[in-house]
Amino acid sequence: MDVRSRLPASLPPARASVLDEADDRTLAGRAADGDVRAFEVIVRRYSPLMRAYATRVLGSNSESDDVVQEAFITAWQQLPSLNDGGVVKSWLMRIVSRKSIDRIRARKLHLDIDDHEQAAPHTASPHHVAEVHSRETALSAALNAMPEQQRQCWVLKELAEYSYDDIARELDLPLSTVRGLLARARKNLIRQMEEWR
């Protein structure tokens, strides 16, 4: 499913080059008013980061493409309710994060061993595959149990590879707060994941 097929008809191509240089706040404002070209610039600007994040969370390129498309469809529908267009990047990352977690939950809810039986890789024993899945489940549970700001900081740092400064900017937090939240998040994960060390 192509995101563009779900959006209104595009504006003339001549306007795209001017929009490519626009800041996020301008693009988000125009897109919220129905400017599809502005939204297309947002899609081009952030889809690689969102796809990389979703791939790391889901472990699948095909699923990550679907999740990113779903995230952009949701973003298009909810743009008018975004109060500060300057935080569009972090807003999109939150949407794709929720969509990725929803996809993982859906996998667990709809797991039917007869329908989803897959051959284990020749290099991995069934025991190893089961251990990896258990570790991923434990990590997901540990992340979900974290306070929201800790989880956001950890995900942006460890999965999206943001710098401390970028995280502070995206979450509108002082740099010292980001460092503290990350330290606590790491400490919580070490404690929760102790049996997997």
C-alpha atoms as a PDB file:
ATOM      1  CA  MET A   1       0.000   0.000   0.000  1.00  0.00           C
ATOM      2  CA  ASP A   2       1.489   3.307  -1.095  1.00  0.00           C
ATOM      3  CA  VAL A   3       1.045   6.273   1.263  1.00  0.00           C
ATOM      4  CA  ARG A   4       0.448   8.582  -1.668  1.00  0.00           C
ATOM      5  CA  SER A   5      -2.540   6.534  -2.802  1.00  0.00           C
ATOM      6  CA  ARG A   6      -4.245   7.396   0.495  1.00  0.00           C
ATOM      7  CA  LEU A   7      -3.546  11.148   0.205  1.00  0.00           C
ATOM      8  CA  PRO A   8      -5.347  13.818  -1.823  1.00  0.00           C
ATOM      9  CA  ALA A   9      -4.128  14.768  -5.315  1.00  0.00           C
ATOM     10  CA  SER A  10      -0.739  16.512  -5.399  1.00  0.00           C
ATOM     11  CA  LEU A  11      -0.024  20.144  -6.166  1.00  0.00           C
ATOM     12  CA  PRO A  12       1.935  21.161  -9.287  1.00  0.00           C
ATOM     13  CA  PRO A  13       5.564  19.865  -9.302  1.00  0.00           C
ATOM     14  CA  ALA A  14       7.130  23.352  -9.492  1.00  0.00           C
ATOM     15  CA  ARG A  15       6.535  23.972  -5.768  1.00  0.00           C
ATOM     16  CA  ALA A  16       8.471  20.934  -4.500  1.00  0.00           C
ATOM     17  CA  SER A  17      11.961  22.438  -4.834  1.00  0.00           C
ATOM     18  CA  VAL A  18      11.059  25.445  -2.666  1.00  0.00           C
ATOM     19  CA  LEU A  19       9.546  23.166  -0.042  1.00  0.00           C
ATOM     20  CA  ASP A  20      12.634  20.927   0.111  1.00  0.00           C
ATOM     21  CA  GLU A  21      14.464  23.752   1.899  1.00  0.00           C
ATOM     22  CA  ALA A  22      11.625  24.584   4.318  1.00  0.00           C
ATOM     23  CA  ASP A  23      11.917  23.852   8.036  1.00  0.00           C
ATOM     24  CA  ASP A  24       9.744  21.256   9.777  1.00  0.00           C
ATOM     25  CA  ARG A  25       7.424  23.832  11.339  1.00  0.00           C
ATOM     26  CA  THR A  26       6.599  25.346   7.937  1.00  0.00           C
ATOM     27  CA  LEU A  27       6.137  21.953   6.307  1.00  0.00           C
ATOM     28  CA  ALA A  28       3.923  20.649   9.117  1.00  0.00           C
ATOM     29  CA  GLY A  29       1.778  23.783   9.038  1.00  0.00           C
ATOM     30  CA  ARG A  30       1.304  23.590   5.286  1.00  0.00           C
ATOM     31  CA  ALA A  31       0.649  19.845   5.373  1.00  0.00           C
ATOM     32  CA  ALA A  32      -1.921  20.338   8.145  1.00  0.00           C
ATOM     33  CA  ASP A  33      -3.679  22.758   5.783  1.00  0.00           C
ATOM     34  CA  GLY A  34      -3.794  20.042   3.107  1.00  0.00           C
ATOM     35  CA  ASP A  35      -0.578  20.754   1.175  1.00  0.00           C
ATOM     36  CA  VAL A  36       0.363  17.260  -0.041  1.00  0.00           C
ATOM     37  CA  ARG A  37       3.704  18.420  -1.474  1.00  0.00           C
ATOM     38  CA  ALA A  38       4.750  19.660   1.960  1.00  0.00           C
ATOM     39  CA  PHE A  39       3.809  16.301   3.448  1.00  0.00           C
ATOM     40  CA  GLU A  40       5.769  14.493   0.722  1.00  0.00           C
ATOM     41  CA  VAL A  41       8.863  16.449   1.771  1.00  0.00           C
ATOM     42  CA  ILE A  42       8.301  15.319   5.372  1.00  0.00           C
ATOM     43  CA  VAL A  43       7.963  11.731   4.133  1.00  0.00           C
ATOM     44  CA  ARG A  44      11.209  11.940   2.132  1.00  0.00           C
ATOM     45  CA  ARG A  45      13.014  13.647   5.010  1.00  0.00           C
ATOM     46  CA  TYR A  46      12.104  11.191   7.774  1.00  0.00           C
ATOM     47  CA  SER A  47      11.192   7.867   6.179  1.00  0.00           C
ATOM     48  CA  PRO A  48      14.821   6.554   6.178  1.00  0.00           C
ATOM     49  CA  LEU A  49      15.174   7.191   9.930  1.00  0.00           C
ATOM     50  CA  MET A  50      11.726   5.761  10.664  1.00  0.00           C
ATOM     51  CA  ARG A  51      12.397   2.695   8.506  1.00  0.00           C
ATOM     52  CA  ALA A  52      15.752   2.081  10.242  1.00  0.00           C
ATOM     53  CA  TYR A  53      14.092   2.374  13.643  1.00  0.00           C
ATOM     54  CA  ALA A  54      11.185   0.070  12.725  1.00  0.00           C
ATOM     55  CA  THR A  55      13.582  -2.494  11.231  1.00  0.00           C
ATOM     56  CA  ARG A  56      15.584  -2.588  14.456  1.00  0.00           C
ATOM     57  CA  VAL A  57      12.465  -3.019  16.551  1.00  0.00           C
ATOM     58  CA  LEU A  58      10.741  -5.554  14.266  1.00  0.00           C
ATOM     59  CA  GLY A  59      13.737  -7.321  12.747  1.00  0.00           C
ATOM     60  CA  SER A  60      12.062  -7.333   9.317  1.00  0.00           C
ATOM     61  CA  ASN A  61      12.399  -4.989   6.339  1.00  0.00           C
ATOM     62  CA  SER A  62       9.050  -5.972   4.855  1.00  0.00           C
ATOM     63  CA  GLU A  63       7.215  -5.325   8.118  1.00  0.00           C
ATOM     64  CA  SER A  64       9.090  -2.089   8.730  1.00  0.00           C
ATOM     65  CA  ASP A  65       7.964  -0.710   5.353  1.00  0.00           C
ATOM     66  CA  ASP A  66       4.349  -1.483   6.275  1.00  0.00           C
ATOM     67  CA  VAL A  67       4.727   0.090   9.715  1.00  0.00           C
ATOM     68  CA  VAL A  68       6.308   3.255   8.288  1.00  0.00           C
ATOM     69  CA  GLN A  69       3.477   3.596   5.766  1.00  0.00           C
ATOM     70  CA  GLU A  70       0.899   3.119   8.524  1.00  0.00           C
ATOM     71  CA  ALA A  71       2.728   5.740  10.611  1.00  0.00           C
ATOM     72  CA  PHE A  72       2.639   8.277   7.773  1.00  0.00           C
ATOM     73  CA  ILE A  73      -1.058   7.635   7.144  1.00  0.00           C
ATOM     74  CA  THR A  74      -1.733   8.252  10.843  1.00  0.00           C
ATOM     75  CA  ALA A  75       0.482  11.356  10.759  1.00  0.00           C
ATOM     76  CA  TRP A  76      -1.404  12.741   7.738  1.00  0.00           C
ATOM     77  CA  GLN A  77      -4.714  12.226   9.532  1.00  0.00           C
ATOM     78  CA  GLN A  78      -3.502  13.729  12.828  1.00  0.00           C
ATOM     79  CA  LEU A  79      -1.380  16.630  11.537  1.00  0.00           C
ATOM     80  CA  PRO A  80      -4.100  19.217  12.190  1.00  0.00           C
ATOM     81  CA  SER A  81      -3.952  18.304  15.906  1.00  0.00           C
ATOM     82  CA  LEU A  82      -0.140  18.757  16.140  1.00  0.00           C
ATOM     83  CA  ASN A  83       0.346  21.911  18.222  1.00  0.00           C
ATOM     84  CA  ASP A  84       4.040  22.513  17.475  1.00  0.00           C
ATOM     85  CA  GLY A  85       5.227  21.693  13.962  1.00  0.00           C
ATOM     86  CA  GLY A  86       8.800  22.160  15.135  1.00  0.00           C
ATOM     87  CA  VAL A  87       8.700  18.777  16.890  1.00  0.00           C
ATOM     88  CA  VAL A  88       7.452  16.843  13.864  1.00  0.00           C
ATOM     89  CA  LYS A  89      10.504  14.537  13.892  1.00  0.00           C
ATOM     90  CA  SER A  90      10.004  13.327  17.458  1.00  0.00           C
ATOM     91  CA  TRP A  91       6.232  13.173  16.874  1.00  0.00           C
ATOM     92  CA  LEU A  92       6.748  10.902  13.856  1.00  0.00           C
ATOM     93  CA  MET A  93       9.198   8.743  15.835  1.00  0.00           C
ATOM     94  CA  ARG A  94       6.603   8.308  18.591  1.00  0.00           C
ATOM     95  CA  ILE A  95       4.003   7.264  16.015  1.00  0.00           C
ATOM     96  CA  VAL A  96       6.305   4.725  14.343  1.00  0.00           C
ATOM     97  CA  SER A  97       7.372   3.455  17.772  1.00  0.00           C
ATOM     98  CA  ARG A  98       3.736   2.822  18.758  1.00  0.00           C
ATOM     99  CA  LYS A  99       2.990   1.209  15.386  1.00  0.00           C
ATOM    100  CA  SER A 100       6.044  -1.070  15.753  1.00  0.00           C
ATOM    101  CA  ILE A 101       5.039  -2.128  19.255  1.00  0.00           C
ATOM    102  CA  ASP A 102       1.464  -2.706  18.060  1.00  0.00           C
ATOM    103  CA  ARG A 103       2.824  -4.928  15.286  1.00  0.00           C
ATOM    104  CA  ILE A 104       4.850  -6.955  17.813  1.00  0.00           C
ATOM    105  CA  ARG A 105       1.792  -7.330  20.044  1.00  0.00           C
ATOM    106  CA  ALA A 106      -0.299  -8.408  17.046  1.00  0.00           C
ATOM    107  CA  ARG A 107       2.281 -11.083  16.229  1.00  0.00           C
ATOM    108  CA  LYS A 108       1.968 -12.485  19.740  1.00  0.00           C
ATOM    109  CA  LEU A 109      -1.827 -12.352  19.732  1.00  0.00           C
ATOM    110  CA  HIS A 110      -2.177 -14.042  16.356  1.00  0.00           C
ATOM    111  CA  LEU A 111       0.585 -16.590  16.673  1.00  0.00           C
ATOM    112  CA  ASP A 112      -0.669 -19.920  15.391  1.00  0.00           C
ATOM    113  CA  ILE A 113       2.092 -22.493  15.164  1.00  0.00           C
ATOM    114  CA  ASP A 114       0.487 -24.278  12.188  1.00  0.00           C
ATOM    115  CA  ASP A 115       0.151 -21.093  10.126  1.00  0.00           C
ATOM    116  CA  HIS A 116       3.528 -19.596  10.991  1.00  0.00           C
ATOM    117  CA  GLU A 117       5.810 -22.581  11.117  1.00  0.00           C
ATOM    118  CA  GLN A 118       9.158 -21.536   9.680  1.00  0.00           C
ATOM    119  CA  ALA A 119      12.333 -23.504   9.234  1.00  0.00           C
ATOM    120  CA  ALA A 120      15.057 -22.485  11.647  1.00  0.00           C
ATOM    121  CA  PRO A 121      18.240 -21.207  10.016  1.00  0.00           C
ATOM    122  CA  HIS A 122      20.752 -23.995   9.499  1.00  0.00           C
ATOM    123  CA  THR A 123      23.246 -22.144  11.686  1.00  0.00           C
ATOM    124  CA  ALA A 124      20.847 -21.757  14.605  1.00  0.00           C
ATOM    125  CA  SER A 125      19.602 -24.554  16.795  1.00  0.00           C
ATOM    126  CA  PRO A 126      15.968 -24.515  17.989  1.00  0.00           C
ATOM    127  CA  HIS A 127      17.283 -23.824  21.487  1.00  0.00           C
ATOM    128  CA  HIS A 128      19.200 -20.746  20.254  1.00  0.00           C
ATOM    129  CA  VAL A 129      16.185 -19.433  18.305  1.00  0.00           C
ATOM    130  CA  ALA A 130      13.924 -19.886  21.356  1.00  0.00           C
ATOM    131  CA  GLU A 131      16.478 -18.118  23.549  1.00  0.00           C
ATOM    132  CA  VAL A 132      16.692 -15.145  21.169  1.00  0.00           C
ATOM    133  CA  HIS A 133      12.900 -14.823  21.066  1.00  0.00           C
ATOM    134  CA  SER A 134      12.693 -15.046  24.861  1.00  0.00           C
ATOM    135  CA  ARG A 135      15.367 -12.367  25.239  1.00  0.00           C
ATOM    136  CA  GLU A 136      13.524 -10.064  22.804  1.00  0.00           C
ATOM    137  CA  THR A 137      10.270 -10.613  24.694  1.00  0.00           C
ATOM    138  CA  ALA A 138      12.017  -9.806  27.990  1.00  0.00           C
ATOM    139  CA  LEU A 139      13.550  -6.634  26.507  1.00  0.00           C
ATOM    140  CA  SER A 140      10.171  -5.529  25.156  1.00  0.00           C
ATOM    141  CA  ALA A 141       8.552  -6.106  28.560  1.00  0.00           C
ATOM    142  CA  ALA A 142      11.367  -4.227  30.318  1.00  0.00           C
ATOM    143  CA  LEU A 143      11.001  -1.264  27.951  1.00  0.00           C
ATOM    144  CA  ASN A 144       7.220  -1.212  28.362  1.00  0.00           C
ATOM    145  CA  ALA A 145       7.625  -1.182  32.168  1.00  0.00           C
ATOM    146  CA  MET A 146       9.870   1.924  32.066  1.00  0.00           C
ATOM    147  CA  PRO A 147       8.530   5.409  32.764  1.00  0.00           C
ATOM    148  CA  GLU A 148       7.678   7.039  29.429  1.00  0.00           C
ATOM    149  CA  GLN A 149      10.453   9.655  29.370  1.00  0.00           C
ATOM    150  CA  GLN A 150      13.107   7.052  30.214  1.00  0.00           C
ATOM    151  CA  ARG A 151      11.809   4.795  27.446  1.00  0.00           C
ATOM    152  CA  GLN A 152      11.711   7.661  24.931  1.00  0.00           C
ATOM    153  CA  CYS A 153      15.280   8.671  25.741  1.00  0.00           C
ATOM    154  CA  TRP A 154      16.542   5.084  25.544  1.00  0.00           C
ATOM    155  CA  VAL A 155      14.778   4.364  22.245  1.00  0.00           C
ATOM    156  CA  LEU A 156      16.003   7.592  20.651  1.00  0.00           C
ATOM    157  CA  LYS A 157      19.584   6.980  21.830  1.00  0.00           C
ATOM    158  CA  GLU A 158      19.964   3.236  21.345  1.00  0.00           C
ATOM    159  CA  LEU A 159      17.639   2.498  18.431  1.00  0.00           C
ATOM    160  CA  ALA A 160      17.358   5.753  16.497  1.00  0.00           C
ATOM    161  CA  GLU A 161      21.008   6.673  17.336  1.00  0.00           C
ATOM    162  CA  TYR A 162      20.247  10.264  18.347  1.00  0.00           C
ATOM    163  CA  SER A 163      22.921  12.282  20.115  1.00  0.00           C
ATOM    164  CA  TYR A 164      22.262  13.558  23.639  1.00  0.00           C
ATOM    165  CA  ASP A 165      21.768  17.068  22.227  1.00  0.00           C
ATOM    166  CA  ASP A 166      19.275  15.813  19.629  1.00  0.00           C
ATOM    167  CA  ILE A 167      17.289  13.956  22.286  1.00  0.00           C
ATOM    168  CA  ALA A 168      17.209  17.075  24.484  1.00  0.00           C
ATOM    169  CA  ARG A 169      15.960  19.121  21.531  1.00  0.00           C
ATOM    170  CA  GLU A 170      13.376  16.571  20.394  1.00  0.00           C
ATOM    171  CA  LEU A 171      11.903  15.998  23.850  1.00  0.00           C
ATOM    172  CA  ASP A 172      12.345  19.619  24.938  1.00  0.00           C
ATOM    173  CA  LEU A 173      14.349  18.619  28.013  1.00  0.00           C
ATOM    174  CA  PRO A 174      17.549  19.988  29.552  1.00  0.00           C
ATOM    175  CA  LEU A 175      20.641  18.007  28.540  1.00  0.00           C
ATOM    176  CA  SER A 176      21.310  17.072  32.171  1.00  0.00           C
ATOM    177  CA  THR A 177      17.797  15.609  32.451  1.00  0.00           C
ATOM    178  CA  VAL A 178      18.364  13.521  29.309  1.00  0.00           C
ATOM    179  CA  ARG A 179      21.634  12.170  30.750  1.00  0.00           C
ATOM    180  CA  GLY A 180      19.900  11.297  34.030  1.00  0.00           C
ATOM    181  CA  LEU A 181      16.959   9.630  32.289  1.00  0.00           C
ATOM    182  CA  LEU A 182      19.287   7.574  30.111  1.00  0.00           C
ATOM    183  CA  ALA A 183      21.375   6.524  33.097  1.00  0.00           C
ATOM    184  CA  ARG A 184      18.258   5.385  34.969  1.00  0.00           C
ATOM    185  CA  ALA A 185      16.892   3.635  31.865  1.00  0.00           C
ATOM    186  CA  ARG A 186      20.150   1.720  31.409  1.00  0.00           C
ATOM    187  CA  LYS A 187      20.251   0.816  35.098  1.00  0.00           C
ATOM    188  CA  ASN A 188      16.648  -0.430  34.932  1.00  0.00           C
ATOM    189  CA  LEU A 189      17.398  -2.502  31.819  1.00  0.00           C
ATOM    190  CA  ILE A 190      20.519  -4.031  33.371  1.00  0.00           C
ATOM    191  CA  ARG A 191      18.504  -5.024  36.419  1.00  0.00           C
ATOM    192  CA  GLN A 192      15.560  -6.366  34.383  1.00  0.00           C
ATOM    193  CA  MET A 193      17.778  -8.209  31.892  1.00  0.00           C
ATOM    194  CA  GLU A 194      20.229  -9.625  34.451  1.00  0.00           C
ATOM    195  CA  GLU A 195      19.362 -13.248  33.645  1.00  0.00           C
ATOM    196  CA  TRP A 196      20.251 -12.647  29.976  1.00  0.00           C
ATOM    197  CA  ARG A 197      23.785 -11.386  30.648  1.00  0.00           C
END
